[in-house]
């Protein structure tokens, strides 16, 4: 891969990408678990959204893993934190999801800082992922608000 990353910088980028990989794998497990725990008359659309998030987390994990190996790194076999809070109402699940997405956003922003001006491919990847995470945060923020709430 043509980039202007030094060996030390590449190692730091691989470390960040591995953290992203671990977070995305945790997201996949987390969203799938949440989908099992939804009950009530709105179950079907909420489960569908959660499982869509799980699928997207898997796709993001695949992309991170591919970038790691492109840089000559070794993808982590670890999965990020899977704290079980035993809080399973939709609002609590969404608050946990919000915290998880914020953590992922932070890692993607860190990656962007590391590769900015040094690798167009990784810079564009980071920007795309940041946009996706910001959209997730906006969606979750809207879902947490009370119906009819504008502020």
N, C-alpha and C. Protein backbone atom coordinates (compact mmCIF):
# COMPACT_ATOMS: atom_id res chain seq x y z
N UNK A 1 0.85 -1.18 0.00
CA UNK A 1 0.00 0.00 0.00
C UNK A 1 0.89 1.23 0.00
N UNK A 2 0.60 2.13 -0.87
CA UNK A 2 1.37 3.37 -0.94
C UNK A 2 0.83 4.32 0.13
N UNK A 3 1.68 4.64 1.09
CA UNK A 3 1.30 5.61 2.10
C UNK A 3 2.56 6.26 2.62
N UNK A 4 2.39 7.32 3.35
CA UNK A 4 3.52 8.02 3.93
C UNK A 4 3.63 7.75 5.43
N UNK A 5 3.15 6.60 5.86
CA UNK A 5 3.23 6.23 7.27
C UNK A 5 4.57 5.57 7.55
N UNK A 6 5.22 6.00 8.62
CA UNK A 6 6.46 5.34 9.03
C UNK A 6 6.10 3.99 9.65
N UNK A 7 7.10 3.21 9.94
CA UNK A 7 6.88 1.90 10.56
C UNK A 7 6.19 2.07 11.91
N UNK A 8 6.65 3.04 12.70
CA UNK A 8 6.05 3.29 14.02
C UNK A 8 4.60 3.77 13.89
N UNK A 9 4.36 4.67 12.92
CA UNK A 9 3.00 5.16 12.70
C UNK A 9 2.08 4.04 12.23
N UNK A 10 2.61 3.18 11.37
CA UNK A 10 1.82 2.04 10.90
C UNK A 10 1.42 1.15 12.07
N UNK A 11 2.35 0.92 12.98
CA UNK A 11 2.04 0.11 14.16
C UNK A 11 0.94 0.75 15.00
N UNK A 12 0.97 2.07 15.15
CA UNK A 12 -0.07 2.77 15.91
C UNK A 12 -1.42 2.69 15.20
N UNK A 13 -1.40 2.81 13.88
CA UNK A 13 -2.63 2.71 13.10
C UNK A 13 -3.22 1.31 13.23
N UNK A 14 -2.38 0.29 13.14
CA UNK A 14 -2.84 -1.09 13.29
C UNK A 14 -3.44 -1.29 14.68
N UNK A 15 -2.83 -0.71 15.69
CA UNK A 15 -3.36 -0.79 17.05
C UNK A 15 -4.76 -0.16 17.13
N UNK A 16 -4.92 1.00 16.52
CA UNK A 16 -6.23 1.67 16.51
C UNK A 16 -7.24 0.85 15.72
N UNK A 17 -6.82 0.34 14.57
CA UNK A 17 -7.73 -0.49 13.76
C UNK A 17 -8.14 -1.75 14.52
N UNK A 18 -7.23 -2.32 15.29
CA UNK A 18 -7.58 -3.50 16.08
C UNK A 18 -8.59 -3.14 17.17
N UNK A 19 -8.44 -1.97 17.76
CA UNK A 19 -9.43 -1.52 18.76
C UNK A 19 -10.79 -1.32 18.08
N UNK A 20 -10.79 -0.78 16.88
CA UNK A 20 -12.03 -0.62 16.12
C UNK A 20 -12.64 -1.99 15.81
N UNK A 21 -11.81 -2.92 15.37
CA UNK A 21 -12.27 -4.28 15.08
C UNK A 21 -12.94 -4.88 16.31
N UNK A 22 -12.29 -4.77 17.45
CA UNK A 22 -12.83 -5.31 18.70
C UNK A 22 -14.15 -4.64 19.07
N UNK A 23 -14.23 -3.33 18.90
CA UNK A 23 -15.48 -2.61 19.21
C UNK A 23 -16.60 -3.01 18.27
N UNK A 24 -16.29 -3.15 16.99
CA UNK A 24 -17.33 -3.52 16.03
C UNK A 24 -17.82 -4.95 16.27
N UNK A 25 -16.91 -5.86 16.62
CA UNK A 25 -17.34 -7.22 16.95
C UNK A 25 -18.21 -7.22 18.21
N UNK A 26 -17.84 -6.41 19.19
CA UNK A 26 -18.66 -6.27 20.39
C UNK A 26 -20.02 -5.69 20.04
N UNK A 27 -20.04 -4.74 19.12
CA UNK A 27 -21.31 -4.16 18.68
C UNK A 27 -22.21 -5.20 18.04
N UNK A 28 -21.62 -6.07 17.25
CA UNK A 28 -22.40 -7.12 16.62
C UNK A 28 -23.06 -8.01 17.67
N UNK A 29 -22.29 -8.44 18.65
CA UNK A 29 -22.82 -9.28 19.72
C UNK A 29 -23.85 -8.52 20.54
N UNK A 30 -23.50 -7.30 20.89
CA UNK A 30 -24.37 -6.46 21.72
C UNK A 30 -25.73 -6.24 21.05
N UNK A 31 -25.72 -5.82 19.78
CA UNK A 31 -26.99 -5.53 19.10
C UNK A 31 -27.81 -6.80 18.90
N UNK A 32 -27.16 -7.91 18.63
CA UNK A 32 -27.89 -9.17 18.48
C UNK A 32 -28.54 -9.55 19.82
N UNK A 33 -27.78 -9.44 20.90
CA UNK A 33 -28.32 -9.72 22.23
C UNK A 33 -29.52 -8.82 22.53
N UNK A 34 -29.35 -7.54 22.27
CA UNK A 34 -30.46 -6.61 22.51
C UNK A 34 -31.70 -7.05 21.73
N UNK A 35 -31.52 -7.51 20.51
CA UNK A 35 -32.68 -7.88 19.69
C UNK A 35 -33.46 -9.04 20.30
N UNK A 36 -32.79 -9.90 21.05
CA UNK A 36 -33.49 -11.01 21.70
C UNK A 36 -34.33 -10.53 22.88
N UNK A 37 -33.97 -9.39 23.45
CA UNK A 37 -34.55 -8.94 24.69
C UNK A 37 -35.68 -7.91 24.52
N UNK A 38 -36.13 -7.72 23.31
CA UNK A 38 -37.21 -6.75 23.05
C UNK A 38 -38.55 -7.45 23.10
N UNK A 39 -39.46 -6.89 23.88
CA UNK A 39 -40.80 -7.43 24.02
C UNK A 39 -41.81 -6.30 23.87
N UNK A 40 -43.04 -6.64 23.59
CA UNK A 40 -44.09 -5.64 23.49
C UNK A 40 -44.58 -5.45 22.06
N UNK A 41 -45.55 -4.57 21.91
CA UNK A 41 -46.21 -4.41 20.62
C UNK A 41 -45.34 -3.75 19.55
N UNK A 42 -44.26 -3.10 19.92
CA UNK A 42 -43.35 -2.51 18.93
C UNK A 42 -42.14 -3.39 18.65
N UNK A 43 -42.18 -4.64 19.06
CA UNK A 43 -41.03 -5.53 18.97
C UNK A 43 -40.49 -5.67 17.55
N UNK A 44 -41.34 -5.91 16.58
CA UNK A 44 -40.87 -6.24 15.23
C UNK A 44 -39.99 -5.15 14.62
N UNK A 45 -40.41 -3.89 14.58
CA UNK A 45 -39.51 -2.89 13.98
C UNK A 45 -38.24 -2.64 14.79
N UNK A 46 -38.33 -2.74 16.10
CA UNK A 46 -37.15 -2.51 16.93
C UNK A 46 -36.15 -3.65 16.74
N UNK A 47 -36.62 -4.88 16.73
CA UNK A 47 -35.75 -6.03 16.50
C UNK A 47 -35.10 -5.91 15.13
N UNK A 48 -35.86 -5.53 14.13
CA UNK A 48 -35.30 -5.39 12.77
C UNK A 48 -34.19 -4.33 12.76
N UNK A 49 -34.40 -3.21 13.45
CA UNK A 49 -33.38 -2.16 13.49
C UNK A 49 -32.14 -2.67 14.21
N UNK A 50 -32.31 -3.32 15.34
CA UNK A 50 -31.17 -3.83 16.11
C UNK A 50 -30.37 -4.86 15.30
N UNK A 51 -31.06 -5.75 14.61
CA UNK A 51 -30.36 -6.76 13.81
C UNK A 51 -29.67 -6.13 12.61
N UNK A 52 -30.24 -5.07 12.08
CA UNK A 52 -29.57 -4.31 11.02
C UNK A 52 -28.28 -3.69 11.54
N UNK A 53 -28.32 -3.18 12.78
CA UNK A 53 -27.12 -2.62 13.41
C UNK A 53 -26.07 -3.71 13.61
N UNK A 54 -26.51 -4.91 14.00
CA UNK A 54 -25.57 -6.03 14.17
C UNK A 54 -24.90 -6.37 12.84
N UNK A 55 -25.70 -6.41 11.78
CA UNK A 55 -25.13 -6.70 10.45
C UNK A 55 -24.14 -5.62 10.03
N UNK A 56 -24.48 -4.37 10.31
CA UNK A 56 -23.58 -3.27 9.96
C UNK A 56 -22.29 -3.33 10.77
N UNK A 57 -22.39 -3.70 12.04
CA UNK A 57 -21.19 -3.86 12.86
C UNK A 57 -20.28 -4.94 12.29
N UNK A 58 -20.88 -6.02 11.80
CA UNK A 58 -20.07 -7.08 11.19
C UNK A 58 -19.36 -6.56 9.95
N UNK A 59 -20.06 -5.81 9.11
CA UNK A 59 -19.44 -5.25 7.91
C UNK A 59 -18.31 -4.30 8.27
N UNK A 60 -18.50 -3.51 9.32
CA UNK A 60 -17.45 -2.59 9.77
C UNK A 60 -16.24 -3.36 10.31
N UNK A 61 -16.50 -4.47 11.00
CA UNK A 61 -15.41 -5.30 11.51
C UNK A 61 -14.61 -5.89 10.35
N UNK A 62 -15.29 -6.33 9.32
CA UNK A 62 -14.61 -6.89 8.14
C UNK A 62 -13.71 -5.84 7.50
N UNK A 63 -14.23 -4.64 7.34
CA UNK A 63 -13.44 -3.56 6.73
C UNK A 63 -12.20 -3.26 7.57
N UNK A 64 -12.36 -3.18 8.88
CA UNK A 64 -11.22 -2.90 9.76
C UNK A 64 -10.18 -4.02 9.64
N UNK A 65 -10.63 -5.26 9.64
CA UNK A 65 -9.72 -6.39 9.52
C UNK A 65 -8.97 -6.39 8.20
N UNK A 66 -9.63 -6.03 7.14
CA UNK A 66 -8.98 -5.95 5.83
C UNK A 66 -7.91 -4.86 5.81
N UNK A 67 -8.20 -3.73 6.43
CA UNK A 67 -7.20 -2.66 6.49
C UNK A 67 -6.00 -3.09 7.34
N UNK A 68 -6.26 -3.80 8.42
CA UNK A 68 -5.16 -4.28 9.27
C UNK A 68 -4.21 -5.16 8.46
N UNK A 69 -4.77 -6.11 7.74
CA UNK A 69 -3.90 -7.02 6.98
C UNK A 69 -3.24 -6.32 5.80
N UNK A 70 -3.89 -5.31 5.24
CA UNK A 70 -3.26 -4.53 4.16
C UNK A 70 -2.01 -3.82 4.66
N UNK A 71 -2.02 -3.46 5.94
CA UNK A 71 -0.87 -2.77 6.54
C UNK A 71 0.18 -3.76 7.07
N UNK A 72 -0.08 -5.05 6.88
CA UNK A 72 0.85 -6.05 7.36
C UNK A 72 0.64 -6.44 8.80
N UNK A 73 -0.48 -6.01 9.37
CA UNK A 73 -0.77 -6.31 10.77
C UNK A 73 -1.54 -7.60 10.93
N UNK A 74 -1.79 -7.95 12.18
CA UNK A 74 -2.52 -9.16 12.53
C UNK A 74 -3.81 -8.77 13.23
N UNK A 75 -4.97 -9.12 12.66
CA UNK A 75 -6.24 -8.76 13.29
C UNK A 75 -6.41 -9.44 14.65
N UNK A 76 -6.91 -8.68 15.59
CA UNK A 76 -7.16 -9.16 16.94
C UNK A 76 -8.25 -10.22 16.94
N UNK A 77 -8.12 -11.17 17.84
CA UNK A 77 -9.17 -12.15 18.07
C UNK A 77 -10.03 -11.79 19.27
N UNK A 78 -9.74 -10.65 19.88
CA UNK A 78 -10.50 -10.21 21.04
C UNK A 78 -11.79 -9.51 20.60
N UNK A 79 -12.72 -9.49 21.52
CA UNK A 79 -13.96 -8.76 21.33
C UNK A 79 -14.00 -7.70 22.42
N UNK A 80 -14.44 -6.50 22.07
CA UNK A 80 -14.52 -5.42 23.04
C UNK A 80 -15.43 -5.76 24.20
N UNK A 81 -15.51 -4.88 25.15
CA UNK A 81 -16.28 -5.07 26.38
C UNK A 81 -17.74 -5.41 26.09
N UNK A 82 -18.21 -6.43 26.80
CA UNK A 82 -19.61 -6.86 26.67
C UNK A 82 -20.28 -6.85 28.04
N UNK A 83 -20.34 -5.68 28.62
CA UNK A 83 -20.95 -5.51 29.93
C UNK A 83 -22.43 -5.88 29.87
N UNK A 84 -22.85 -6.79 30.72
CA UNK A 84 -24.26 -7.15 30.81
C UNK A 84 -24.87 -6.40 31.98
N UNK A 85 -25.72 -5.45 31.68
CA UNK A 85 -26.32 -4.62 32.72
C UNK A 85 -27.64 -5.19 33.22
N UNK A 86 -28.20 -6.12 32.48
CA UNK A 86 -29.51 -6.70 32.80
C UNK A 86 -30.61 -5.64 32.74
N UNK A 87 -30.35 -4.56 32.02
CA UNK A 87 -31.37 -3.53 31.79
C UNK A 87 -31.84 -3.72 30.36
N UNK A 88 -33.09 -4.12 30.22
CA UNK A 88 -33.54 -4.50 28.89
C UNK A 88 -34.77 -3.75 28.41
N UNK A 89 -35.11 -2.62 29.02
CA UNK A 89 -36.17 -1.87 28.38
C UNK A 89 -35.55 -1.07 27.24
N UNK A 90 -36.32 -0.68 26.29
CA UNK A 90 -35.81 -0.07 25.07
C UNK A 90 -35.00 1.19 25.36
N UNK A 91 -35.46 2.04 26.25
CA UNK A 91 -34.72 3.27 26.57
C UNK A 91 -33.34 2.96 27.12
N UNK A 92 -33.25 1.99 28.01
CA UNK A 92 -31.95 1.61 28.58
C UNK A 92 -31.03 1.01 27.52
N UNK A 93 -31.59 0.18 26.68
CA UNK A 93 -30.81 -0.41 25.58
C UNK A 93 -30.27 0.69 24.68
N UNK A 94 -31.11 1.66 24.36
CA UNK A 94 -30.68 2.75 23.48
C UNK A 94 -29.59 3.61 24.14
N UNK A 95 -29.69 3.82 25.45
CA UNK A 95 -28.63 4.58 26.14
C UNK A 95 -27.31 3.81 26.12
N UNK A 96 -27.37 2.50 26.29
CA UNK A 96 -26.15 1.68 26.19
C UNK A 96 -25.60 1.72 24.77
N UNK A 97 -26.48 1.64 23.80
CA UNK A 97 -26.05 1.70 22.40
C UNK A 97 -25.41 3.06 22.09
N UNK A 98 -25.97 4.12 22.65
CA UNK A 98 -25.42 5.45 22.46
C UNK A 98 -23.99 5.53 22.99
N UNK A 99 -23.76 5.01 24.17
CA UNK A 99 -22.42 5.01 24.75
C UNK A 99 -21.45 4.19 23.90
N UNK A 100 -21.91 3.05 23.40
CA UNK A 100 -21.08 2.20 22.55
C UNK A 100 -20.72 2.93 21.25
N UNK A 101 -21.68 3.57 20.63
CA UNK A 101 -21.43 4.29 19.37
C UNK A 101 -20.49 5.47 19.60
N UNK A 102 -20.62 6.15 20.72
CA UNK A 102 -19.72 7.27 21.04
C UNK A 102 -18.28 6.78 21.18
N UNK A 103 -18.10 5.63 21.79
CA UNK A 103 -16.76 5.05 21.93
C UNK A 103 -16.17 4.72 20.56
N UNK A 104 -16.99 4.14 19.70
CA UNK A 104 -16.52 3.84 18.35
C UNK A 104 -16.17 5.09 17.57
N UNK A 105 -16.99 6.12 17.70
CA UNK A 105 -16.72 7.39 17.04
C UNK A 105 -15.37 7.95 17.47
N UNK A 106 -15.09 7.86 18.75
CA UNK A 106 -13.79 8.33 19.25
C UNK A 106 -12.63 7.60 18.61
N UNK A 107 -12.75 6.31 18.42
CA UNK A 107 -11.67 5.53 17.80
C UNK A 107 -11.51 5.89 16.32
N UNK A 108 -12.62 6.08 15.63
CA UNK A 108 -12.52 6.48 14.22
C UNK A 108 -11.90 7.87 14.08
N UNK A 109 -12.23 8.76 14.99
CA UNK A 109 -11.61 10.10 14.97
C UNK A 109 -10.11 10.01 15.26
N UNK A 110 -9.74 9.14 16.17
CA UNK A 110 -8.32 8.91 16.45
C UNK A 110 -7.61 8.39 15.20
N UNK A 111 -8.23 7.46 14.51
CA UNK A 111 -7.66 6.93 13.27
C UNK A 111 -7.48 8.04 12.24
N UNK A 112 -8.48 8.89 12.10
CA UNK A 112 -8.38 10.00 11.14
C UNK A 112 -7.20 10.89 11.46
N UNK A 113 -7.01 11.20 12.73
CA UNK A 113 -5.85 12.02 13.12
C UNK A 113 -4.54 11.34 12.76
N UNK A 114 -4.49 10.03 12.94
CA UNK A 114 -3.25 9.28 12.68
C UNK A 114 -2.90 9.22 11.20
N UNK A 115 -3.90 9.18 10.33
CA UNK A 115 -3.62 8.96 8.89
C UNK A 115 -3.81 10.21 8.03
N UNK A 116 -4.33 11.27 8.61
CA UNK A 116 -4.62 12.48 7.84
C UNK A 116 -3.37 12.98 7.11
N UNK A 117 -3.49 13.13 5.80
CA UNK A 117 -2.39 13.60 4.98
C UNK A 117 -1.33 12.55 4.69
N UNK A 118 -1.54 11.33 5.17
CA UNK A 118 -0.54 10.28 4.98
C UNK A 118 -1.05 9.10 4.17
N UNK A 119 -2.36 8.85 4.21
CA UNK A 119 -2.95 7.74 3.47
C UNK A 119 -4.36 8.13 3.07
N UNK A 120 -4.55 8.41 1.81
CA UNK A 120 -5.88 8.82 1.34
C UNK A 120 -6.89 7.70 1.57
N UNK A 121 -6.50 6.45 1.30
CA UNK A 121 -7.43 5.34 1.48
C UNK A 121 -7.92 5.26 2.93
N UNK A 122 -6.99 5.31 3.87
CA UNK A 122 -7.39 5.21 5.27
C UNK A 122 -8.09 6.48 5.76
N UNK A 123 -7.70 7.62 5.21
CA UNK A 123 -8.36 8.87 5.57
C UNK A 123 -9.82 8.84 5.13
N UNK A 124 -10.06 8.39 3.91
CA UNK A 124 -11.44 8.32 3.40
C UNK A 124 -12.25 7.27 4.16
N UNK A 125 -11.60 6.15 4.48
CA UNK A 125 -12.26 5.11 5.29
C UNK A 125 -12.68 5.71 6.63
N UNK A 126 -11.77 6.39 7.30
CA UNK A 126 -12.08 6.97 8.61
C UNK A 126 -13.20 7.99 8.50
N UNK A 127 -13.15 8.85 7.49
CA UNK A 127 -14.20 9.86 7.32
C UNK A 127 -15.56 9.22 7.08
N UNK A 128 -15.59 8.19 6.26
CA UNK A 128 -16.85 7.49 5.97
C UNK A 128 -17.42 6.86 7.24
N UNK A 129 -16.55 6.26 8.03
CA UNK A 129 -16.99 5.63 9.26
C UNK A 129 -17.44 6.67 10.29
N UNK A 130 -16.76 7.79 10.34
CA UNK A 130 -17.17 8.87 11.25
C UNK A 130 -18.57 9.36 10.87
N UNK A 131 -18.80 9.55 9.59
CA UNK A 131 -20.13 9.98 9.14
C UNK A 131 -21.19 8.95 9.52
N UNK A 132 -20.89 7.67 9.36
CA UNK A 132 -21.84 6.62 9.71
C UNK A 132 -22.11 6.61 11.21
N UNK A 133 -21.07 6.74 12.02
CA UNK A 133 -21.24 6.75 13.47
C UNK A 133 -22.02 7.98 13.92
N UNK A 134 -21.74 9.13 13.32
CA UNK A 134 -22.50 10.34 13.67
C UNK A 134 -23.98 10.17 13.31
N UNK A 135 -24.26 9.52 12.19
CA UNK A 135 -25.65 9.27 11.80
C UNK A 135 -26.32 8.33 12.80
N UNK A 136 -25.58 7.31 13.26
CA UNK A 136 -26.14 6.40 14.27
C UNK A 136 -26.46 7.15 15.55
N UNK A 137 -25.54 8.00 15.96
CA UNK A 137 -25.77 8.78 17.18
C UNK A 137 -27.00 9.68 17.04
N UNK A 138 -27.15 10.29 15.87
CA UNK A 138 -28.32 11.15 15.64
C UNK A 138 -29.61 10.33 15.70
N UNK A 139 -29.60 9.15 15.07
CA UNK A 139 -30.78 8.29 15.08
C UNK A 139 -31.13 7.84 16.49
N UNK A 140 -30.12 7.40 17.21
CA UNK A 140 -30.37 6.93 18.58
C UNK A 140 -30.85 8.10 19.45
N UNK A 141 -30.26 9.26 19.27
CA UNK A 141 -30.71 10.43 20.01
C UNK A 141 -32.17 10.74 19.77
N UNK A 142 -32.61 10.61 18.53
CA UNK A 142 -34.02 10.84 18.20
C UNK A 142 -34.91 9.77 18.82
N UNK A 143 -34.42 8.53 18.84
CA UNK A 143 -35.23 7.45 19.40
C UNK A 143 -35.37 7.58 20.91
N UNK A 144 -34.39 8.15 21.57
CA UNK A 144 -34.45 8.32 23.02
C UNK A 144 -35.42 9.42 23.43
N UNK A 145 -35.57 10.41 22.55
CA UNK A 145 -36.47 11.53 22.87
C UNK A 145 -37.93 11.06 22.95
N UNK A 146 -38.72 11.79 23.73
CA UNK A 146 -40.13 11.49 23.83
C UNK A 146 -40.82 11.81 22.51
N UNK A 147 -41.83 11.03 22.11
CA UNK A 147 -42.57 11.35 20.89
C UNK A 147 -43.12 12.79 20.94
N UNK A 148 -42.95 13.50 19.85
CA UNK A 148 -43.42 14.88 19.76
C UNK A 148 -42.43 15.89 20.26
N UNK A 149 -41.32 15.42 20.81
CA UNK A 149 -40.29 16.32 21.34
C UNK A 149 -39.48 16.90 20.22
N UNK A 150 -39.33 18.20 20.21
CA UNK A 150 -38.50 18.88 19.20
C UNK A 150 -37.13 19.20 19.77
N UNK A 151 -37.06 19.53 21.04
CA UNK A 151 -35.78 19.91 21.66
C UNK A 151 -35.14 18.74 22.38
